[in-house]
Amino acid sequence: MINGNKTEKTNFEAHPYPEKWQPLFLALSFFHAVVRERKRFGPLGWTKLYDFNDSDFRISMRQLYIMVEEFDDVPFAAL
């Protein structure tokens, strides 16, 4: 299971289904980086300013981990 205290590399390698987990984890990490970088532009292009912080990222990572582990096919509609 994902641990918030582990390094990103450990979390990246931690899943029993790495062929599904690793691309989705990288996509989530990229999304997190884009939203964090976008913060410096303020509300321009966004309807409301929201800070996607590290705790949001950890919760999203855990949810993604569970969904990849529980379902045979990744439920993209739910994600």
PDB file of N, CA and C in Angstrom:
ATOM      1  N   MET A   1       0.844  -1.197   0.000  1.00  0.00           N
ATOM      2  CA  MET A   1       0.000   0.000   0.000  1.00  0.00           C
ATOM      3  C   MET A   1       0.874   1.240   0.000  1.00  0.00           C
ATOM      4  N   ILE A   2       0.354   2.288  -0.557  1.00  0.00           N
ATOM      5  CA  ILE A   2       1.060   3.558  -0.653  1.00  0.00           C
ATOM      6  C   ILE A   2       1.212   4.164   0.730  1.00  0.00           C
ATOM      7  N   ASN A   3       2.389   4.684   0.991  1.00  0.00           N
ATOM      8  CA  ASN A   3       2.676   5.344   2.244  1.00  0.00           C
ATOM      9  C   ASN A   3       3.119   6.759   1.933  1.00  0.00           C
ATOM     10  N   GLY A   4       2.509   7.743   2.567  1.00  0.00           N
ATOM     11  CA  GLY A   4       2.853   9.133   2.330  1.00  0.00           C
ATOM     12  C   GLY A   4       4.269   9.484   2.722  1.00  0.00           C
ATOM     13  N   ASN A   5       4.899   8.669   3.565  1.00  0.00           N
ATOM     14  CA  ASN A   5       6.257   8.951   4.017  1.00  0.00           C
ATOM     15  C   ASN A   5       7.314   8.368   3.087  1.00  0.00           C
ATOM     16  N   LYS A   6       6.920   7.530   2.148  1.00  0.00           N
ATOM     17  CA  LYS A   6       7.878   6.938   1.225  1.00  0.00           C
ATOM     18  C   LYS A   6       8.263   7.939   0.145  1.00  0.00           C
ATOM     19  N   THR A   7       9.375   7.661  -0.513  1.00  0.00           N
ATOM     20  CA  THR A   7       9.790   8.518  -1.612  1.00  0.00           C
ATOM     21  C   THR A   7       8.925   8.245  -2.833  1.00  0.00           C
ATOM     22  N   GLU A   8       8.967   9.142  -3.784  1.00  0.00           N
ATOM     23  CA  GLU A   8       8.189   8.968  -5.007  1.00  0.00           C
ATOM     24  C   GLU A   8       8.635   7.719  -5.770  1.00  0.00           C
ATOM     25  N   LYS A   9       9.943   7.438  -5.763  1.00  0.00           N
ATOM     26  CA  LYS A   9      10.443   6.265  -6.462  1.00  0.00           C
ATOM     27  C   LYS A   9       9.891   4.988  -5.834  1.00  0.00           C
ATOM     28  N   THR A  10       9.832   4.939  -4.522  1.00  0.00           N
ATOM     29  CA  THR A  10       9.286   3.772  -3.825  1.00  0.00           C
ATOM     30  C   THR A  10       7.805   3.613  -4.146  1.00  0.00           C
ATOM     31  N   ASN A  11       7.052   4.714  -4.157  1.00  0.00           N
ATOM     32  CA  ASN A  11       5.635   4.654  -4.508  1.00  0.00           C
ATOM     33  C   ASN A  11       5.449   4.227  -5.956  1.00  0.00           C
ATOM     34  N   PHE A  12       6.339   4.683  -6.826  1.00  0.00           N
ATOM     35  CA  PHE A  12       6.265   4.332  -8.240  1.00  0.00           C
ATOM     36  C   PHE A  12       6.454   2.837  -8.445  1.00  0.00           C
ATOM     37  N   GLU A  13       7.319   2.229  -7.663  1.00  0.00           N
ATOM     38  CA  GLU A  13       7.638   0.805  -7.802  1.00  0.00           C
ATOM     39  C   GLU A  13       6.820  -0.086  -6.870  1.00  0.00           C
ATOM     40  N   ALA A  14       5.880   0.468  -6.106  1.00  0.00           N
ATOM     41  CA  ALA A  14       5.224  -0.257  -5.024  1.00  0.00           C
ATOM     42  C   ALA A  14       4.025  -1.103  -5.425  1.00  0.00           C
ATOM     43  N   HIS A  15       3.525  -0.968  -6.614  1.00  0.00           N
ATOM     44  CA  HIS A  15       2.254  -1.605  -6.975  1.00  0.00           C
ATOM     45  C   HIS A  15       2.454  -3.008  -7.542  1.00  0.00           C
ATOM     46  N   PRO A  16       1.544  -3.944  -7.222  1.00  0.00           N
ATOM     47  CA  PRO A  16       1.657  -5.304  -7.772  1.00  0.00           C
ATOM     48  C   PRO A  16       1.355  -5.384  -9.271  1.00  0.00           C
ATOM     49  N   TYR A  17       0.728  -4.354  -9.856  1.00  0.00           N
ATOM     50  CA  TYR A  17       0.437  -4.303 -11.295  1.00  0.00           C
ATOM     51  C   TYR A  17       1.151  -3.095 -11.907  1.00  0.00           C
ATOM     52  N   PRO A  18       2.472  -3.160 -12.038  1.00  0.00           N
ATOM     53  CA  PRO A  18       3.215  -1.973 -12.496  1.00  0.00           C
ATOM     54  C   PRO A  18       2.876  -1.545 -13.918  1.00  0.00           C
ATOM     55  N   GLU A  19       2.425  -2.468 -14.774  1.00  0.00           N
ATOM     56  CA  GLU A  19       2.111  -2.108 -16.162  1.00  0.00           C
ATOM     57  C   GLU A  19       0.911  -1.175 -16.246  1.00  0.00           C
ATOM     58  N   LYS A  20       0.005  -1.242 -15.273  1.00  0.00           N
ATOM     59  CA  LYS A  20      -1.138  -0.327 -15.227  1.00  0.00           C
ATOM     60  C   LYS A  20      -0.843   0.867 -14.329  1.00  0.00           C
ATOM     61  N   TRP A  21      -0.194   0.621 -13.195  1.00  0.00           N
ATOM     62  CA  TRP A  21       0.031   1.633 -12.173  1.00  0.00           C
ATOM     63  C   TRP A  21       1.005   2.728 -12.608  1.00  0.00           C
ATOM     64  N   GLN A  22       2.128   2.349 -13.175  1.00  0.00           N
ATOM     65  CA  GLN A  22       3.183   3.322 -13.443  1.00  0.00           C
ATOM     66  C   GLN A  22       2.776   4.413 -14.433  1.00  0.00           C
ATOM     67  N   PRO A  23       2.136   4.093 -15.569  1.00  0.00           N
ATOM     68  CA  PRO A  23       1.709   5.193 -16.459  1.00  0.00           C
ATOM     69  C   PRO A  23       0.674   6.117 -15.817  1.00  0.00           C
ATOM     70  N   LEU A  24      -0.234   5.553 -15.024  1.00  0.00           N
ATOM     71  CA  LEU A  24      -1.255   6.379 -14.369  1.00  0.00           C
ATOM     72  C   LEU A  24      -0.648   7.238 -13.268  1.00  0.00           C
ATOM     73  N   PHE A  25       0.307   6.692 -12.543  1.00  0.00           N
ATOM     74  CA  PHE A  25       0.995   7.453 -11.502  1.00  0.00           C
ATOM     75  C   PHE A  25       1.767   8.619 -12.122  1.00  0.00           C
ATOM     76  N   LEU A  26       2.432   8.366 -13.247  1.00  0.00           N
ATOM     77  CA  LEU A  26       3.161   9.438 -13.929  1.00  0.00           C
ATOM     78  C   LEU A  26       2.200  10.507 -14.447  1.00  0.00           C
ATOM     79  N   ALA A  27       1.045  10.096 -14.968  1.00  0.00           N
ATOM     80  CA  ALA A  27       0.048  11.055 -15.449  1.00  0.00           C
ATOM     81  C   ALA A  27      -0.483  11.910 -14.298  1.00  0.00           C
ATOM     82  N   LEU A  28      -0.753  11.288 -13.160  1.00  0.00           N
ATOM     83  CA  LEU A  28      -1.224  12.029 -11.988  1.00  0.00           C
ATOM     84  C   LEU A  28      -0.147  13.001 -11.507  1.00  0.00           C
ATOM     85  N   SER A  29       1.092  12.571 -11.498  1.00  0.00           N
ATOM     86  CA  SER A  29       2.198  13.434 -11.080  1.00  0.00           C
ATOM     87  C   SER A  29       2.349  14.628 -12.020  1.00  0.00           C
ATOM     88  N   PHE A  30       2.215  14.377 -13.321  1.00  0.00           N
ATOM     89  CA  PHE A  30       2.301  15.461 -14.301  1.00  0.00           C
ATOM     90  C   PHE A  30       1.139  16.442 -14.113  1.00  0.00           C
ATOM     91  N   PHE A  31      -0.065  15.931 -13.913  1.00  0.00           N
ATOM     92  CA  PHE A  31      -1.228  16.786 -13.659  1.00  0.00           C
ATOM     93  C   PHE A  31      -0.998  17.652 -12.427  1.00  0.00           C
ATOM     94  N   HIS A  32      -0.478  17.048 -11.373  1.00  0.00           N
ATOM     95  CA  HIS A  32      -0.196  17.781 -10.138  1.00  0.00           C
ATOM     96  C   HIS A  32       0.807  18.905 -10.396  1.00  0.00           C
ATOM     97  N   ALA A  33       1.853  18.612 -11.150  1.00  0.00           N
ATOM     98  CA  ALA A  33       2.869  19.618 -11.447  1.00  0.00           C
ATOM     99  C   ALA A  33       2.294  20.760 -12.283  1.00  0.00           C
ATOM    100  N   VAL A  34       1.457  20.439 -13.257  1.00  0.00           N
ATOM    101  CA  VAL A  34       0.860  21.469 -14.108  1.00  0.00           C
ATOM    102  C   VAL A  34      -0.059  22.375 -13.295  1.00  0.00           C
ATOM    103  N   VAL A  35      -0.873  21.793 -12.455  1.00  0.00           N
ATOM    104  CA  VAL A  35      -1.802  22.602 -11.644  1.00  0.00           C
ATOM    105  C   VAL A  35      -1.031  23.466 -10.650  1.00  0.00           C
ATOM    106  N   ARG A  36       0.026  22.918 -10.063  1.00  0.00           N
ATOM    107  CA  ARG A  36       0.832  23.700  -9.122  1.00  0.00           C
ATOM    108  C   ARG A  36       1.534  24.862  -9.831  1.00  0.00           C
ATOM    109  N   GLU A  37       2.065  24.605 -11.012  1.00  0.00           N
ATOM    110  CA  GLU A  37       2.730  25.661 -11.772  1.00  0.00           C
ATOM    111  C   GLU A  37       1.731  26.702 -12.253  1.00  0.00           C
ATOM    112  N   ARG A  38       0.532  26.270 -12.580  1.00  0.00           N
ATOM    113  CA  ARG A  38      -0.522  27.158 -13.079  1.00  0.00           C
ATOM    114  C   ARG A  38      -0.937  28.171 -12.022  1.00  0.00           C
ATOM    115  N   LYS A  39      -0.679  27.864 -10.763  1.00  0.00           N
ATOM    116  CA  LYS A  39      -1.075  28.736  -9.653  1.00  0.00           C
ATOM    117  C   LYS A  39      -0.488  30.140  -9.788  1.00  0.00           C
ATOM    118  N   ARG A  40       0.688  30.255 -10.350  1.00  0.00           N
ATOM    119  CA  ARG A  40       1.331  31.565 -10.432  1.00  0.00           C
ATOM    120  C   ARG A  40       0.612  32.530 -11.376  1.00  0.00           C
ATOM    121  N   PHE A  41      -0.276  32.036 -12.237  1.00  0.00           N
ATOM    122  CA  PHE A  41      -1.034  32.891 -13.132  1.00  0.00           C
ATOM    123  C   PHE A  41      -2.320  33.409 -12.495  1.00  0.00           C
ATOM    124  N   GLY A  42      -2.611  32.965 -11.287  1.00  0.00           N
ATOM    125  CA  GLY A  42      -3.806  33.410 -10.596  1.00  0.00           C
ATOM    126  C   GLY A  42      -5.064  32.827 -11.220  1.00  0.00           C
ATOM    127  N   PRO A  43      -6.180  33.532 -11.122  1.00  0.00           N
ATOM    128  CA  PRO A  43      -7.444  32.989 -11.628  1.00  0.00           C
ATOM    129  C   PRO A  43      -7.601  33.077 -13.146  1.00  0.00           C
ATOM    130  N   LEU A  44      -6.603  33.587 -13.861  1.00  0.00           N
ATOM    131  CA  LEU A  44      -6.674  33.707 -15.308  1.00  0.00           C
ATOM    132  C   LEU A  44      -6.850  32.329 -15.951  1.00  0.00           C
ATOM    133  N   GLY A  45      -7.981  32.127 -16.624  1.00  0.00           N
ATOM    134  CA  GLY A  45      -8.261  30.850 -17.267  1.00  0.00           C
ATOM    135  C   GLY A  45      -8.952  29.842 -16.368  1.00  0.00           C
ATOM    136  N   TRP A  46      -9.087  30.147 -15.103  1.00  0.00           N
ATOM    137  CA  TRP A  46      -9.769  29.255 -14.161  1.00  0.00           C
ATOM    138  C   TRP A  46     -10.986  30.012 -13.633  1.00  0.00           C
ATOM    139  N   THR A  47     -12.044  29.286 -13.348  1.00  0.00           N
ATOM    140  CA  THR A  47     -13.212  29.965 -12.795  1.00  0.00           C
ATOM    141  C   THR A  47     -13.027  30.272 -11.321  1.00  0.00           C
ATOM    142  N   LYS A  48     -12.224  29.458 -10.639  1.00  0.00           N
ATOM    143  CA  LYS A  48     -11.973  29.675  -9.223  1.00  0.00           C
ATOM    144  C   LYS A  48     -10.560  29.203  -8.908  1.00  0.00           C
ATOM    145  N   LEU A  49      -9.849  29.946  -8.100  1.00  0.00           N
ATOM    146  CA  LEU A  49      -8.495  29.593  -7.716  1.00  0.00           C
ATOM    147  C   LEU A  49      -8.539  28.416  -6.728  1.00  0.00           C
ATOM    148  N   TYR A  50      -7.815  27.338  -7.037  1.00  0.00           N
ATOM    149  CA  TYR A  50      -7.753  26.188  -6.149  1.00  0.00           C
ATOM    150  C   TYR A  50      -6.322  25.693  -6.096  1.00  0.00           C
ATOM    151  N   ASP A  51      -5.833  25.490  -4.901  1.00  0.00           N
ATOM    152  CA  ASP A  51      -4.467  25.020  -4.700  1.00  0.00           C
ATOM    153  C   ASP A  51      -4.478  23.509  -4.539  1.00  0.00           C
ATOM    154  N   PHE A  52      -4.074  22.783  -5.562  1.00  0.00           N
ATOM    155  CA  PHE A  52      -3.980  21.319  -5.524  1.00  0.00           C
ATOM    156  C   PHE A  52      -2.699  20.989  -4.774  1.00  0.00           C
ATOM    157  N   ASN A  53      -2.798  20.912  -3.442  1.00  0.00           N
ATOM    158  CA  ASN A  53      -1.602  20.785  -2.616  1.00  0.00           C
ATOM    159  C   ASN A  53      -1.141  19.326  -2.474  1.00  0.00           C
ATOM    160  N   ASP A  54      -0.109  19.115  -1.688  1.00  0.00           N
ATOM    161  CA  ASP A  54       0.481  17.785  -1.554  1.00  0.00           C
ATOM    162  C   ASP A  54      -0.464  16.782  -0.894  1.00  0.00           C
ATOM    163  N   SER A  55      -1.292  17.234   0.033  1.00  0.00           N
ATOM    164  CA  SER A  55      -2.237  16.291   0.644  1.00  0.00           C
ATOM    165  C   SER A  55      -3.295  15.850  -0.376  1.00  0.00           C
ATOM    166  N   ASP A  56      -3.713  16.746  -1.258  1.00  0.00           N
ATOM    167  CA  ASP A  56      -4.628  16.367  -2.338  1.00  0.00           C
ATOM    168  C   ASP A  56      -3.967  15.348  -3.266  1.00  0.00           C
ATOM    169  N   PHE A  57      -2.688  15.556  -3.552  1.00  0.00           N
ATOM    170  CA  PHE A  57      -1.957  14.629  -4.400  1.00  0.00           C
ATOM    171  C   PHE A  57      -1.859  13.248  -3.753  1.00  0.00           C
ATOM    172  N   ARG A  58      -1.546  13.199  -2.453  1.00  0.00           N
ATOM    173  CA  ARG A  58      -1.437  11.907  -1.750  1.00  0.00           C
ATOM    174  C   ARG A  58      -2.773  11.175  -1.727  1.00  0.00           C
ATOM    175  N   ILE A  59      -3.865  11.890  -1.491  1.00  0.00           N
ATOM    176  CA  ILE A  59      -5.191  11.274  -1.483  1.00  0.00           C
ATOM    177  C   ILE A  59      -5.524  10.743  -2.876  1.00  0.00           C
ATOM    178  N   SER A  60      -5.238  11.532  -3.903  1.00  0.00           N
ATOM    179  CA  SER A  60      -5.480  11.089  -5.285  1.00  0.00           C
ATOM    180  C   SER A  60      -4.639   9.870  -5.623  1.00  0.00           C
ATOM    181  N   MET A  61      -3.396   9.862  -5.150  1.00  0.00           N
ATOM    182  CA  MET A  61      -2.501   8.734  -5.392  1.00  0.00           C
ATOM    183  C   MET A  61      -3.030   7.462  -4.721  1.00  0.00           C
ATOM    184  N   ARG A  62      -3.498   7.583  -3.501  1.00  0.00           N
ATOM    185  CA  ARG A  62      -4.045   6.414  -2.797  1.00  0.00           C
ATOM    186  C   ARG A  62      -5.306   5.895  -3.482  1.00  0.00           C
ATOM    187  N   GLN A  63      -6.180   6.799  -3.902  1.00  0.00           N
ATOM    188  CA  GLN A  63      -7.404   6.406  -4.597  1.00  0.00           C
ATOM    189  C   GLN A  63      -7.073   5.694  -5.905  1.00  0.00           C
ATOM    190  N   LEU A  64      -6.135   6.238  -6.649  1.00  0.00           N
ATOM    191  CA  LEU A  64      -5.700   5.620  -7.894  1.00  0.00           C
ATOM    192  C   LEU A  64      -5.104   4.239  -7.636  1.00  0.00           C
ATOM    193  N   TYR A  65      -4.289   4.124  -6.607  1.00  0.00           N
ATOM    194  CA  TYR A  65      -3.676   2.851  -6.235  1.00  0.00           C
ATOM    195  C   TYR A  65      -4.752   1.793  -5.971  1.00  0.00           C
ATOM    196  N   ILE A  66      -5.748   2.162  -5.195  1.00  0.00           N
ATOM    197  CA  ILE A  66      -6.823   1.228  -4.840  1.00  0.00           C
ATOM    198  C   ILE A  66      -7.629   0.826  -6.071  1.00  0.00           C
ATOM    199  N   MET A  67      -7.949   1.777  -6.921  1.00  0.00           N
ATOM    200  CA  MET A  67      -8.753   1.461  -8.102  1.00  0.00           C
ATOM    201  C   MET A  67      -8.004   0.555  -9.067  1.00  0.00           C
ATOM    202  N   VAL A  68      -6.718   0.777  -9.244  1.00  0.00           N
ATOM    203  CA  VAL A  68      -5.934  -0.086 -10.125  1.00  0.00           C
ATOM    204  C   VAL A  68      -5.824  -1.482  -9.534  1.00  0.00           C
ATOM    205  N   GLU A  69      -5.719  -1.544  -8.220  1.00  0.00           N
ATOM    206  CA  GLU A  69      -5.585  -2.838  -7.540  1.00  0.00           C
ATOM    207  C   GLU A  69      -6.899  -3.628  -7.527  1.00  0.00           C
ATOM    208  N   GLU A  70      -8.024  -2.953  -7.367  1.00  0.00           N
ATOM    209  CA  GLU A  70      -9.310  -3.615  -7.196  1.00  0.00           C
ATOM    210  C   GLU A  70      -9.977  -4.063  -8.503  1.00  0.00           C
ATOM    211  N   PHE A  71      -9.789  -3.312  -9.586  1.00  0.00           N
ATOM    212  CA  PHE A  71     -10.496  -3.587 -10.835  1.00  0.00           C
ATOM    213  C   PHE A  71      -9.567  -4.219 -11.866  1.00  0.00           C
ATOM    214  N   ASP A  72     -10.134  -5.132 -12.671  1.00  0.00           N
ATOM    215  CA  ASP A  72      -9.356  -5.737 -13.740  1.00  0.00           C
ATOM    216  C   ASP A  72      -9.016  -4.719 -14.818  1.00  0.00           C
ATOM    217  N   ASP A  73      -9.994  -3.938 -15.229  1.00  0.00           N
ATOM    218  CA  ASP A  73      -9.782  -2.851 -16.183  1.00  0.00           C
ATOM    219  C   ASP A  73      -9.849  -1.536 -15.420  1.00  0.00           C
ATOM    220  N   VAL A  74      -8.993  -0.618 -15.767  1.00  0.00           N
ATOM    221  CA  VAL A  74      -8.956   0.674 -15.074  1.00  0.00           C
ATOM    222  C   VAL A  74     -10.255   1.425 -15.347  1.00  0.00           C
ATOM    223  N   PRO A  75     -10.992   1.829 -14.295  1.00  0.00           N
ATOM    224  CA  PRO A  75     -12.257   2.556 -14.488  1.00  0.00           C
ATOM    225  C   PRO A  75     -12.016   4.041 -14.751  1.00  0.00           C
ATOM    226  N   PHE A  76     -11.682   4.366 -16.007  1.00  0.00           N
ATOM    227  CA  PHE A  76     -11.346   5.747 -16.358  1.00  0.00           C
ATOM    228  C   PHE A  76     -12.507   6.695 -16.129  1.00  0.00           C
ATOM    229  N   ALA A  77     -13.727   6.249 -16.327  1.00  0.00           N
ATOM    230  CA  ALA A  77     -14.879   7.127 -16.112  1.00  0.00           C
ATOM    231  C   ALA A  77     -14.977   7.543 -14.646  1.00  0.00           C
ATOM    232  N   ALA A  78     -14.666   6.642 -13.746  1.00  0.00           N
ATOM    233  CA  ALA A  78     -14.710   6.953 -12.321  1.00  0.00           C
ATOM    234  C   ALA A  78     -13.536   7.840 -11.911  1.00  0.00           C
ATOM    235  N   LEU A  79     -12.422   7.616 -12.551  1.00  0.00           N
ATOM    236  CA  LEU A  79     -11.242   8.444 -12.218  1.00  0.00           C
ATOM    237  C   LEU A  79     -11.434   9.861 -12.713  1.00  0.00           C
TER     238      LEU A  79
END
